[in-house]
């Protein structure tokens, strides 16, 4: 997918690494009044650039639980009843909700938002969030975030079809990487821009408009969206070391082009490759009209069999399995149609399936509906908690589908991933963050 927000964060960071906020947002007096405030902030919800309204009801909070320095408790009962509720034309999934007693600056100052005590187990006693890179070109830090342990590097990609970069039909989005050791070395800082080098990876032959990625047999497997009508969407294996040589693994369904391959997951038991196929290449004007339903596929690389694993989606997007492989989680981002507009009544939903012993899916259920933006990249920790890149940052859900916390960025994260011991690299369009928390990836990596 493009990015789950509209243009990303476009303000310069302050001394703490946070995007600069307006005078009204920093007005302490405003926090002591019960009031309705509207400001406009660019938020990235797919690949659009549009103004996003920030709504805030303000009054003093009396919550006094001692929590880590960069964390804060969000009292959900404080906004069960509001003094006024705007109509959908003025406030919907494209907006960031600022809870009572807060302003936007306060939410970003302490970015680990605790909605449930279980989130303390996720963040640990001293979570940190560090801005490690920034770009004026939107969006550079977008998708396909994957940690490659043998070289201790984290790979990610630029957005395809973004106006700011001119990618899509005229040129391909690029692959990039950073050293995890460099990110770890600055994790005690709030703003460490310039101290972590971002390297361009020149794949050969080029991975055209990469989007999703996973570790795969000591390589990285990319979902490439393709380019135009003659360059199909493909699954491509890339050597993570120079010369970054590539091999096409799959490029058709019985002679028919895929739409715009988006995300990939390897099942931990059968090791088959599952992948999603929405139409974001079409919606971003670099792929032709679709020739297949918007589906999830399964590929057996031993036999070459390609089968449909699930259908009935508007735009199937992020995909991940639970640590045991018993469940599959699939994000549907149908509410975001990029250049074709938005539809607040379409899915911004994560669905969960049971995975049978033979690898087929059953018992679809709505696992979580996202309160800000749409759910793009999804990942799990070792306890089976699910993490989703959304319109205001990373949302964290327990296995029952309860929102237990957020890593709040004040703008969108299309994707992110666990890296190393308690690390998380978060792509946020024009910003790249590194978080230190208390959990690690629960997804199958092959290592």
Protein backbone atom coordinates (compact mmCIF):
# COMPACT_ATOMS: atom_id res chain seq x y z
CA UNK A 1 0.00 0.00 0.00
CA UNK A 2 0.97 3.64 -0.21
CA UNK A 3 1.07 5.25 3.22
CA UNK A 4 -1.69 5.27 5.83
CA UNK A 5 -1.71 9.05 6.12
CA UNK A 6 -1.99 12.16 4.10
CA UNK A 7 1.40 13.61 3.39
CA UNK A 8 3.21 12.62 6.58
CA UNK A 9 4.67 15.07 9.09
CA UNK A 10 5.73 18.24 7.35
CA UNK A 11 6.92 20.34 10.28
CA UNK A 12 10.53 20.64 11.36
CA UNK A 13 11.34 18.62 14.50
CA UNK A 14 11.91 20.43 17.76
CA UNK A 15 14.85 19.76 20.08
CA UNK A 16 13.22 16.51 21.20
CA UNK A 17 12.82 15.21 17.65
CA UNK A 18 9.10 15.93 17.54
CA UNK A 19 7.53 17.78 14.64
CA UNK A 20 7.05 21.40 15.64
CA UNK A 21 3.56 22.25 16.83
CA UNK A 22 1.56 25.45 16.70
CA UNK A 23 1.41 28.02 19.48
CA UNK A 24 -2.16 26.98 20.23
CA UNK A 25 -1.07 23.36 20.65
CA UNK A 26 1.52 24.41 23.24
CA UNK A 27 -0.74 26.76 25.17
CA UNK A 28 -0.80 25.39 28.71
CA UNK A 29 -3.78 27.58 29.58
CA UNK A 30 -5.85 25.80 26.97
CA UNK A 31 -5.30 22.50 28.76
CA UNK A 32 -7.04 23.82 31.88
CA UNK A 33 -10.28 24.58 30.08
CA UNK A 34 -12.98 22.32 28.74
CA UNK A 35 -13.00 23.22 25.06
CA UNK A 36 -13.26 21.98 21.50
CA UNK A 37 -10.22 22.79 19.38
CA UNK A 38 -9.52 22.24 15.69
CA UNK A 39 -6.11 22.54 14.09
CA UNK A 40 -4.89 21.13 10.81
CA UNK A 41 -2.03 18.70 10.57
CA UNK A 42 -0.80 16.71 7.57
CA UNK A 43 -1.30 13.03 8.36
CA UNK A 44 -0.29 10.26 5.98
CA UNK A 45 -3.22 7.96 5.15
CA UNK A 46 -2.16 6.15 2.00
CA UNK A 47 -0.49 8.42 -0.55
CA UNK A 48 -2.60 11.52 -0.46
CA UNK A 49 -1.60 14.96 0.75
CA UNK A 50 -4.50 16.57 2.55
CA UNK A 51 -5.22 18.61 5.66
CA UNK A 52 -6.16 16.54 8.65
CA UNK A 53 -8.17 17.97 11.49
CA UNK A 54 -6.97 17.40 15.01
CA UNK A 55 -9.83 17.39 17.49
CA UNK A 56 -9.20 17.96 21.16
CA UNK A 57 -11.41 18.20 24.20
CA UNK A 58 -9.25 19.63 26.99
CA UNK A 59 -9.54 19.45 30.73
CA UNK A 60 -7.10 18.61 33.46
CA UNK A 61 -6.35 14.92 34.04
CA UNK A 62 -6.02 13.57 37.58
CA UNK A 63 -4.36 10.28 36.64
CA UNK A 64 -1.28 9.82 38.82
CA UNK A 65 0.01 6.29 38.16
CA UNK A 66 3.79 6.27 37.98
CA UNK A 67 4.85 5.14 34.52
CA UNK A 68 8.04 5.44 32.42
CA UNK A 69 9.35 8.88 31.52
CA UNK A 70 8.31 8.68 27.85
CA UNK A 71 4.93 7.08 28.57
CA UNK A 72 1.53 8.34 29.68
CA UNK A 73 -1.77 6.78 30.66
CA UNK A 74 -4.79 7.51 28.46
CA UNK A 75 -8.04 7.36 30.45
CA UNK A 76 -10.65 6.10 27.99
CA UNK A 77 -13.53 6.82 30.37
CA UNK A 78 -12.63 10.51 30.12
CA UNK A 79 -13.93 10.62 26.56
CA UNK A 80 -16.89 8.23 26.75
CA UNK A 81 -19.08 11.32 26.88
CA UNK A 82 -17.96 14.50 25.11
CA UNK A 83 -19.48 17.98 25.24
CA UNK A 84 -19.99 17.89 21.48
CA UNK A 85 -19.39 15.37 18.70
CA UNK A 86 -18.71 16.59 15.18
CA UNK A 87 -20.56 15.16 12.15
CA UNK A 88 -18.75 12.64 9.89
CA UNK A 89 -18.12 15.30 7.26
CA UNK A 90 -15.92 17.11 9.78
CA UNK A 91 -14.42 14.26 11.82
CA UNK A 92 -13.81 10.70 10.60
CA UNK A 93 -11.07 8.12 10.14
CA UNK A 94 -8.76 10.66 8.48
CA UNK A 95 -8.61 12.67 11.72
CA UNK A 96 -6.48 12.30 14.83
CA UNK A 97 -8.45 12.28 18.06
CA UNK A 98 -6.76 14.08 20.95
CA UNK A 99 -8.14 12.78 24.26
CA UNK A 100 -9.43 15.08 27.02
CA UNK A 101 -6.72 16.79 29.03
CA UNK A 102 -4.15 16.71 26.23
CA UNK A 103 -2.97 18.63 23.23
CA UNK A 104 -1.01 17.29 20.29
CA UNK A 105 2.33 18.43 21.67
CA UNK A 106 1.69 16.63 24.95
CA UNK A 107 0.80 13.42 23.14
CA UNK A 108 4.06 13.49 21.18
CA UNK A 109 6.17 14.51 24.16
CA UNK A 110 5.42 11.15 25.81
CA UNK A 111 4.76 8.90 22.81
CA UNK A 112 4.09 5.58 24.56
CA UNK A 113 0.35 5.75 25.27
CA UNK A 114 -0.95 3.25 27.81
CA UNK A 115 -4.59 2.24 27.25
CA UNK A 116 -4.37 -0.95 29.30
CA UNK A 117 -1.93 -2.17 31.97
CA UNK A 118 -0.79 -4.96 29.65
CA UNK A 119 1.03 -2.33 27.60
CA UNK A 120 3.56 -1.97 30.43
CA UNK A 121 4.75 -5.48 29.57
CA UNK A 122 5.31 -4.30 26.00
CA UNK A 123 7.23 -1.12 26.74
CA UNK A 124 9.14 -2.17 29.85
CA UNK A 125 10.52 0.24 32.46
CA UNK A 126 12.35 2.62 30.12
CA UNK A 127 10.98 2.78 26.57
CA UNK A 128 12.54 5.31 24.22
CA UNK A 129 11.67 6.74 20.82
CA UNK A 130 14.43 8.29 18.72
CA UNK A 131 14.18 10.19 15.46
CA UNK A 132 17.09 8.76 13.44
CA UNK A 133 16.50 10.16 9.95
CA UNK A 134 14.47 12.82 8.20
CA UNK A 135 13.84 13.83 4.60
CA UNK A 136 12.12 16.76 2.94
CA UNK A 137 10.88 14.43 0.18
CA UNK A 138 7.68 12.64 1.01
CA UNK A 139 7.63 9.73 1.44
CA UNK A 140 11.10 8.18 1.69
CA UNK A 141 10.66 5.92 4.74
CA UNK A 142 7.59 3.93 3.86
CA UNK A 143 7.27 0.15 3.63
CA UNK A 144 8.86 -3.33 3.48
CA UNK A 145 10.63 -2.97 6.82
CA UNK A 146 12.66 -6.10 7.54
CA UNK A 147 15.60 -6.86 9.83
CA UNK A 148 18.26 -9.12 8.30
CA UNK A 149 20.13 -10.68 11.27
CA UNK A 150 23.30 -11.94 9.48
CA UNK A 151 24.39 -8.37 8.68
CA UNK A 152 22.37 -6.69 11.47
CA UNK A 153 20.81 -4.31 8.96
CA UNK A 154 17.23 -3.10 8.51
CA UNK A 155 15.85 -2.73 4.99
CA UNK A 156 12.89 -0.56 3.95
CA UNK A 157 11.58 1.11 0.81
CA UNK A 158 10.34 4.39 -0.59
CA UNK A 159 6.68 4.75 -1.58
CA UNK A 160 5.64 3.93 -5.13
CA UNK A 161 3.22 6.33 -6.75
CA UNK A 162 3.91 9.25 -4.43
CA UNK A 163 3.74 12.73 -5.92
CA UNK A 164 6.63 14.02 -3.83
CA UNK A 165 9.09 11.47 -5.19
CA UNK A 166 7.69 10.97 -8.69
CA UNK A 167 7.86 7.21 -8.26
CA UNK A 168 5.52 4.69 -9.82
CA UNK A 169 5.16 4.92 -13.57
CA UNK A 170 8.19 7.07 -14.39
CA UNK A 171 10.69 5.59 -11.95
CA UNK A 172 10.77 2.83 -9.38
CA UNK A 173 10.67 3.33 -5.64
CA UNK A 174 14.06 2.56 -4.11
CA UNK A 175 15.25 0.09 -1.48
CA UNK A 176 17.24 1.47 1.45
CA UNK A 177 18.92 0.14 4.58
CA UNK A 178 20.47 1.21 7.87
CA UNK A 179 22.80 -0.40 10.38
CA UNK A 180 20.90 -1.52 13.46
CA UNK A 181 24.06 -1.03 15.53
CA UNK A 182 24.12 2.65 14.55
CA UNK A 183 20.48 3.05 15.58
CA UNK A 184 21.09 1.26 18.85
CA UNK A 185 24.03 3.54 19.65
CA UNK A 186 21.81 6.65 19.64
CA UNK A 187 18.71 5.14 21.26
CA UNK A 188 19.09 7.29 24.39
CA UNK A 189 18.57 10.47 22.34
CA UNK A 190 15.26 11.94 21.21
CA UNK A 191 16.68 13.46 18.03
CA UNK A 192 19.67 11.72 16.43
CA UNK A 193 19.22 12.79 12.82
CA UNK A 194 22.45 12.64 10.86
CA UNK A 195 23.99 10.01 13.13
CA UNK A 196 22.51 6.97 11.37
CA UNK A 197 23.44 6.66 7.72
CA UNK A 198 20.75 5.65 5.23
CA UNK A 199 22.18 3.60 2.35
CA UNK A 200 20.56 3.12 -1.06
CA UNK A 201 20.43 -0.52 -2.19
CA UNK A 202 20.82 -0.97 -5.96
CA UNK A 203 19.06 -4.25 -6.66
CA UNK A 204 20.08 -5.96 -9.90
CA UNK A 205 17.92 -6.50 -11.88
CA UNK A 206 15.87 -3.83 -10.19
CA UNK A 207 12.93 -4.67 -7.93
CA UNK A 208 10.23 -2.54 -9.56
CA UNK A 209 8.22 -0.60 -7.00
CA UNK A 210 8.83 -2.83 -3.96
CA UNK A 211 6.26 -2.76 -1.17
CA UNK A 212 6.27 -5.74 1.22
CA UNK A 213 9.25 -7.84 2.33
CA UNK A 214 10.18 -10.80 4.55
CA UNK A 215 13.27 -12.87 5.30
CA UNK A 216 13.32 -15.87 2.99
CA UNK A 217 15.96 -18.62 2.85
CA UNK A 218 18.88 -16.35 3.80
CA UNK A 219 17.62 -13.71 1.37
CA UNK A 220 14.88 -11.09 1.35
CA UNK A 221 11.67 -11.72 -0.56
CA UNK A 222 9.99 -8.58 -1.92
CA UNK A 223 6.47 -8.00 -3.17
CA UNK A 224 7.03 -5.78 -6.21
CA UNK A 225 4.01 -3.89 -7.50
CA UNK A 226 5.29 -3.68 -11.08
CA UNK A 227 5.17 -0.75 -13.47
CA UNK A 228 2.72 -0.03 -16.27
CA UNK A 229 0.92 -2.74 -18.21
CA UNK A 230 4.02 -4.54 -19.50
CA UNK A 231 5.99 -4.98 -16.27
CA UNK A 232 3.94 -7.27 -14.04
CA UNK A 233 3.73 -7.43 -10.29
CA UNK A 234 6.14 -10.07 -8.94
CA UNK A 235 7.57 -11.85 -5.93
CA UNK A 236 11.32 -11.24 -6.15
CA UNK A 237 14.17 -12.73 -4.12
CA UNK A 238 17.05 -10.33 -3.38
CA UNK A 239 20.47 -11.12 -1.99
CA UNK A 240 20.85 -8.74 1.00
CA UNK A 241 24.56 -8.46 0.34
CA UNK A 242 26.29 -6.82 -2.59
CA UNK A 243 25.82 -7.09 -5.54
CA UNK A 244 22.13 -7.32 -4.41
CA UNK A 245 21.32 -9.73 -7.24
CA UNK A 246 17.67 -10.65 -7.69
CA UNK A 247 15.64 -13.60 -8.95
CA UNK A 248 11.93 -13.63 -9.80
CA UNK A 249 10.11 -16.27 -7.77
CA UNK A 250 6.57 -15.75 -9.14
CA UNK A 251 5.01 -13.33 -11.63
CA UNK A 252 1.60 -14.71 -12.66
CA UNK A 253 -1.50 -16.66 -11.75
CA UNK A 254 -1.92 -19.14 -14.62
CA UNK A 255 -0.83 -16.54 -17.14
CA UNK A 256 -2.71 -13.63 -15.59
CA UNK A 257 -0.96 -10.63 -14.03
CA UNK A 258 -1.39 -9.98 -10.35
CA UNK A 259 -2.81 -6.56 -9.51
CA UNK A 260 -0.26 -4.92 -7.17
CA UNK A 261 1.34 -7.40 -4.79
CA UNK A 262 1.53 -5.77 -1.40
CA UNK A 263 2.64 -7.80 1.61
CA UNK A 264 4.07 -11.23 2.40
CA UNK A 265 4.21 -13.65 5.34
CA UNK A 266 5.79 -17.09 5.74
CA UNK A 267 3.74 -19.61 7.69
CA UNK A 268 5.86 -20.98 10.58
CA UNK A 269 4.73 -24.59 10.15
CA UNK A 270 4.35 -25.28 6.43
CA UNK A 271 6.81 -22.54 5.31
CA UNK A 272 4.50 -21.61 2.42
CA UNK A 273 4.49 -18.01 1.17
CA UNK A 274 1.21 -16.13 1.66
CA UNK A 275 0.74 -12.73 0.02
CA UNK A 276 -1.87 -10.03 -0.54
CA UNK A 277 -2.91 -8.47 -3.85
CA UNK A 278 -4.89 -5.19 -3.69
CA UNK A 279 -5.01 -2.59 -6.48
CA UNK A 280 -2.93 0.27 -5.10
CA UNK A 281 -0.84 0.41 -8.26
CA UNK A 282 -4.01 1.31 -10.16
CA UNK A 283 -5.16 3.71 -7.45
CA UNK A 284 -1.77 5.46 -7.66
CA UNK A 285 -1.78 5.55 -11.45
CA UNK A 286 1.10 3.21 -12.31
CA UNK A 287 -0.68 -0.10 -12.95
CA UNK A 288 -3.55 -1.04 -15.32
CA UNK A 289 -7.09 -1.95 -14.33
CA UNK A 290 -7.15 -5.14 -12.30
CA UNK A 291 -7.63 -8.53 -13.90
CA UNK A 292 -8.11 -10.56 -10.72
CA UNK A 293 -10.20 -10.22 -7.55
CA UNK A 294 -8.60 -8.53 -4.55
CA UNK A 295 -7.38 -11.69 -2.83
CA UNK A 296 -4.82 -13.37 -0.61
CA UNK A 297 -2.74 -16.12 -2.21
CA UNK A 298 -0.65 -19.04 -1.06
CA UNK A 299 2.48 -20.24 -2.85
CA UNK A 300 4.22 -23.57 -2.33
CA UNK A 301 7.75 -23.17 -3.63
CA UNK A 302 8.34 -26.93 -3.61
CA UNK A 303 5.52 -27.76 -6.02
CA UNK A 304 4.96 -24.33 -7.60
CA UNK A 305 1.27 -24.44 -6.66
CA UNK A 306 -0.48 -21.07 -6.37
CA UNK A 307 -3.88 -21.11 -4.66
CA UNK A 308 -6.30 -18.56 -3.23
CA UNK A 309 -6.16 -18.51 0.57
CA UNK A 310 -8.84 -15.88 1.22
CA UNK A 311 -11.12 -13.49 -0.65
CA UNK A 312 -13.90 -11.03 0.07
CA UNK A 313 -11.66 -8.03 0.68
CA UNK A 314 -11.87 -4.46 -0.48
CA UNK A 315 -8.07 -3.95 -0.33
CA UNK A 316 -6.15 -6.79 1.38
CA UNK A 317 -2.97 -5.30 2.77
CA UNK A 318 -0.78 -6.24 5.74
CA UNK A 319 -0.47 -9.94 6.59
CA UNK A 320 1.07 -11.82 9.51
CA UNK A 321 0.74 -15.14 11.33
CA UNK A 322 0.59 -15.67 15.09
CA UNK A 323 3.78 -17.17 16.58
CA UNK A 324 2.35 -20.71 16.56
CA UNK A 325 0.82 -20.29 13.11
CA UNK A 326 -2.67 -20.95 14.47
CA UNK A 327 -4.01 -17.59 13.30
CA UNK A 328 -3.61 -15.37 10.26
CA UNK A 329 -4.19 -11.63 10.54
CA UNK A 330 -5.03 -9.67 7.38
CA UNK A 331 -5.53 -5.92 7.20
CA UNK A 332 -8.15 -4.50 4.84
CA UNK A 333 -7.50 -0.85 3.92
CA UNK A 334 -10.49 -0.37 1.64
CA UNK A 335 -11.38 2.96 3.26
CA UNK A 336 -8.29 4.48 1.63
CA UNK A 337 -8.42 4.65 -2.16
CA UNK A 338 -5.55 7.13 -2.49
CA UNK A 339 -6.05 9.36 -5.55
CA UNK A 340 -9.58 7.98 -5.90
CA UNK A 341 -10.58 9.41 -2.53
CA UNK A 342 -11.64 7.93 0.80
CA UNK A 343 -14.75 6.13 2.02
CA UNK A 344 -15.24 6.08 5.77
CA UNK A 345 -17.74 3.22 5.52
CA UNK A 346 -15.28 0.87 3.81
CA UNK A 347 -12.96 -1.34 5.88
CA UNK A 348 -10.17 -0.02 8.05
CA UNK A 349 -10.19 -3.41 9.69
CA UNK A 350 -7.92 -6.27 10.72
CA UNK A 351 -9.47 -9.72 10.23
CA UNK A 352 -8.36 -12.91 11.95
CA UNK A 353 -8.61 -16.41 10.49
CA UNK A 354 -8.00 -19.81 12.01
CA UNK A 355 -5.25 -21.63 10.13
CA UNK A 356 -6.07 -25.31 9.71
CA UNK A 357 -3.48 -28.11 9.79
CA UNK A 358 -3.42 -28.15 5.99
CA UNK A 359 -2.65 -24.42 5.82
CA UNK A 360 -6.11 -23.31 4.71
CA UNK A 361 -7.99 -20.45 6.39
CA UNK A 362 -11.36 -20.67 8.17
CA UNK A 363 -13.58 -18.81 10.66
CA UNK A 364 -12.98 -15.23 9.58
CA UNK A 365 -13.74 -12.66 12.28
CA UNK A 366 -13.28 -8.92 12.70
CA UNK A 367 -10.32 -8.65 15.07
CA UNK A 368 -9.92 -4.86 15.28
CA UNK A 369 -11.29 -1.73 13.65
CA UNK A 370 -8.75 1.09 13.54
CA UNK A 371 -9.68 4.39 15.20
CA UNK A 372 -7.23 6.54 13.22
CA UNK A 373 -6.41 5.94 9.57
CA UNK A 374 -6.18 2.44 8.17
CA UNK A 375 -4.09 -0.57 9.29
CA UNK A 376 -1.21 -1.12 6.90
CA UNK A 377 1.77 -3.22 8.03
CA UNK A 378 1.02 -5.74 10.80
CA UNK A 379 3.41 -7.70 13.02
CA UNK A 380 3.29 -9.85 16.17
CA UNK A 381 5.46 -10.26 19.26
CA UNK A 382 6.30 -13.55 20.99
CA UNK A 383 3.16 -13.33 23.16
CA UNK A 384 0.90 -13.07 20.12
CA UNK A 385 0.09 -9.39 20.53
CA UNK A 386 -0.59 -7.67 17.23
CA UNK A 387 0.99 -4.37 16.12
CA UNK A 388 -0.41 -2.27 13.26
CA UNK A 389 0.91 0.77 11.41
CA UNK A 390 -1.93 3.30 11.46
CA UNK A 391 -2.73 6.97 10.90
CA UNK A 392 -1.18 8.29 14.12
CA UNK A 393 1.55 5.71 14.75
CA UNK A 394 1.75 2.07 15.82
CA UNK A 395 -1.30 0.53 17.54
CA UNK A 396 -0.89 -2.51 19.80
CA UNK A 397 -3.64 -5.09 20.44
CA UNK A 398 -3.72 -8.08 22.75
CA UNK A 399 -4.85 -11.46 21.34
CA UNK A 400 -8.46 -10.64 22.26
CA UNK A 401 -8.41 -7.61 19.95
CA UNK A 402 -8.29 -4.99 22.72
CA UNK A 403 -6.26 -1.85 22.04
CA UNK A 404 -3.70 -1.79 24.87
CA UNK A 405 -1.44 1.02 23.71
CA UNK A 406 0.07 3.14 20.98
CA UNK A 407 3.47 4.37 19.92
CA UNK A 408 2.15 7.80 19.02
CA UNK A 409 3.89 9.71 16.23
CA UNK A 410 1.29 12.35 15.43
CA UNK A 411 1.29 11.08 11.85
CA UNK A 412 1.15 7.85 9.92
CA UNK A 413 3.33 4.78 9.88
CA UNK A 414 2.71 2.52 6.91
CA UNK A 415 5.12 -0.07 8.22
CA UNK A 416 7.69 -0.90 10.89
CA UNK A 417 9.28 -4.04 12.28
CA UNK A 418 10.99 -5.54 15.26
CA UNK A 419 14.77 -5.57 15.03
CA UNK A 420 17.29 -7.16 17.35
CA UNK A 421 16.64 -7.40 21.09
CA UNK A 422 13.82 -5.02 21.96
CA UNK A 423 14.28 -2.73 18.97
CA UNK A 424 11.71 -1.49 16.49
CA UNK A 425 12.37 0.52 13.33
CA UNK A 426 9.35 2.64 12.38
CA UNK A 427 8.88 4.11 8.91
CA UNK A 428 6.85 7.33 9.06
CA UNK A 429 7.13 8.74 5.52
CA UNK A 430 9.48 11.73 5.96
CA UNK A 431 10.65 10.46 9.34
CA UNK A 432 12.43 7.29 10.45
CA UNK A 433 12.21 6.34 14.13
CA UNK A 434 13.89 3.77 16.35
CA UNK A 435 12.03 2.57 19.45
CA UNK A 436 13.40 0.57 22.37
CA UNK A 437 10.79 -1.58 24.07
CA UNK A 438 10.68 -4.85 26.01
CA UNK A 439 9.47 -7.34 23.37
CA UNK A 440 10.75 -9.04 20.23
CA UNK A 441 9.24 -10.39 17.04
CA UNK A 442 7.05 -13.45 17.18
CA UNK A 443 6.96 -13.94 13.41
CA UNK A 444 8.79 -16.72 11.59
CA UNK A 445 12.06 -15.42 10.12
CA UNK A 446 13.91 -18.56 9.04
CA UNK A 447 16.87 -17.79 11.31
